[in-house]
Amino acid sequence: MTLEILTPDKQIFEGTATSVSLPGALGSFEILDNHAPIISTLNDGKLTIRSKGSEDVFFIKGGVVEALDNKVTVLAEGIIHK
């Protein structure tokens, strides 16, 4: 799937991923390849990107996520650190 992470200031990540774990408002959840369409609010917390044996971790400050047609877009209020 294609993943894009944006903040109001800049693009943080764009690329392919096999899964992404997110800090949802009702608890953490994971989006995998070919996930059903979803829109969710996000809390502050850890966002983990997994792709072909590698793992990247970001700490985001709230936001929203949308998954549609195997494209995941995360609009984060900010990135606390990587």
Protein backbone atom coordinates (compact mmCIF):
# COMPACT_ATOMS: atom_id res chain seq x y z
CA MET A 1 0.00 0.00 0.00
CA THR A 2 1.04 3.61 -0.43
CA LEU A 3 1.50 5.66 2.73
CA GLU A 4 1.79 9.42 3.08
CA ILE A 5 2.30 11.28 6.36
CA LEU A 6 1.75 15.04 6.33
CA THR A 7 1.88 17.84 8.88
CA PRO A 8 0.75 21.43 8.29
CA ASP A 9 4.42 22.33 7.67
CA LYS A 10 5.76 19.52 5.47
CA GLN A 11 5.57 15.99 4.13
CA ILE A 12 7.15 13.61 6.65
CA PHE A 13 6.96 10.32 4.74
CA GLU A 14 5.87 9.02 1.36
CA GLY A 15 6.40 5.46 0.21
CA THR A 16 5.14 1.91 0.30
CA ALA A 17 4.39 -0.07 3.45
CA THR A 18 3.04 -3.49 4.35
CA SER A 19 1.41 -2.17 7.54
CA VAL A 20 1.07 0.92 9.70
CA SER A 21 0.18 0.96 13.42
CA LEU A 22 -1.56 4.09 14.67
CA PRO A 23 -2.66 5.60 18.01
CA GLY A 24 -6.42 5.78 17.44
CA ALA A 25 -8.76 7.80 19.65
CA LEU A 26 -10.28 4.54 20.98
CA GLY A 27 -6.99 2.61 21.12
CA SER A 28 -4.19 1.66 18.80
CA PHE A 29 -4.95 -0.18 15.56
CA GLU A 30 -3.17 -1.43 12.47
CA ILE A 31 -3.87 -0.93 8.77
CA LEU A 32 -2.66 -3.66 6.40
CA ASP A 33 -2.53 -4.01 2.59
CA ASN A 34 -6.00 -3.88 1.00
CA HIS A 35 -7.64 -2.66 4.21
CA ALA A 36 -11.32 -1.71 4.11
CA PRO A 37 -11.95 2.04 3.75
CA ILE A 38 -11.63 3.86 7.07
CA ILE A 39 -11.38 7.36 8.49
CA SER A 40 -10.33 7.78 12.12
CA THR A 41 -9.11 10.44 14.51
CA LEU A 42 -5.70 9.95 16.09
CA ASN A 43 -4.32 10.72 19.53
CA ASP A 44 -0.75 11.60 20.45
CA GLY A 45 1.37 8.49 20.27
CA LYS A 46 3.55 6.09 18.35
CA LEU A 47 3.07 5.51 14.63
CA THR A 48 4.97 2.47 13.29
CA ILE A 49 5.57 1.82 9.59
CA ARG A 50 6.58 -1.68 8.52
CA SER A 51 7.80 -2.58 5.06
CA LYS A 52 9.85 -5.54 3.83
CA GLY A 53 11.78 -6.23 7.02
CA SER A 54 12.31 -2.60 8.07
CA GLU A 55 10.47 -0.57 10.66
CA ASP A 56 10.25 3.22 11.10
CA VAL A 57 8.78 4.80 14.23
CA PHE A 58 7.42 8.32 14.58
CA PHE A 59 5.67 9.97 17.53
CA ILE A 60 2.79 12.06 16.27
CA LYS A 61 0.74 14.75 17.91
CA GLY A 62 -2.90 13.94 17.07
CA GLY A 63 -4.54 14.07 13.65
CA VAL A 64 -6.64 11.94 11.32
CA VAL A 65 -6.05 8.96 9.03
CA GLU A 66 -7.83 7.86 5.88
CA ALA A 67 -7.40 4.53 4.10
CA LEU A 68 -9.01 4.21 0.66
CA ASP A 69 -8.09 2.12 -2.40
CA ASN A 70 -4.87 0.86 -0.81
CA LYS A 71 -3.64 4.41 -0.09
CA VAL A 72 -3.25 5.56 3.51
CA THR A 73 -2.99 9.26 4.29
CA VAL A 74 -2.09 10.45 7.78
CA LEU A 75 -2.66 14.13 8.54
CA ALA A 76 -0.81 14.73 11.81
CA GLU A 77 -0.95 17.95 13.80
CA GLY A 78 2.78 17.56 14.36
CA ILE A 79 5.66 15.17 14.81
CA ILE A 80 7.07 15.06 18.33
CA HIS A 81 10.20 13.12 17.26
CA LYS A 82 11.39 10.10 15.32
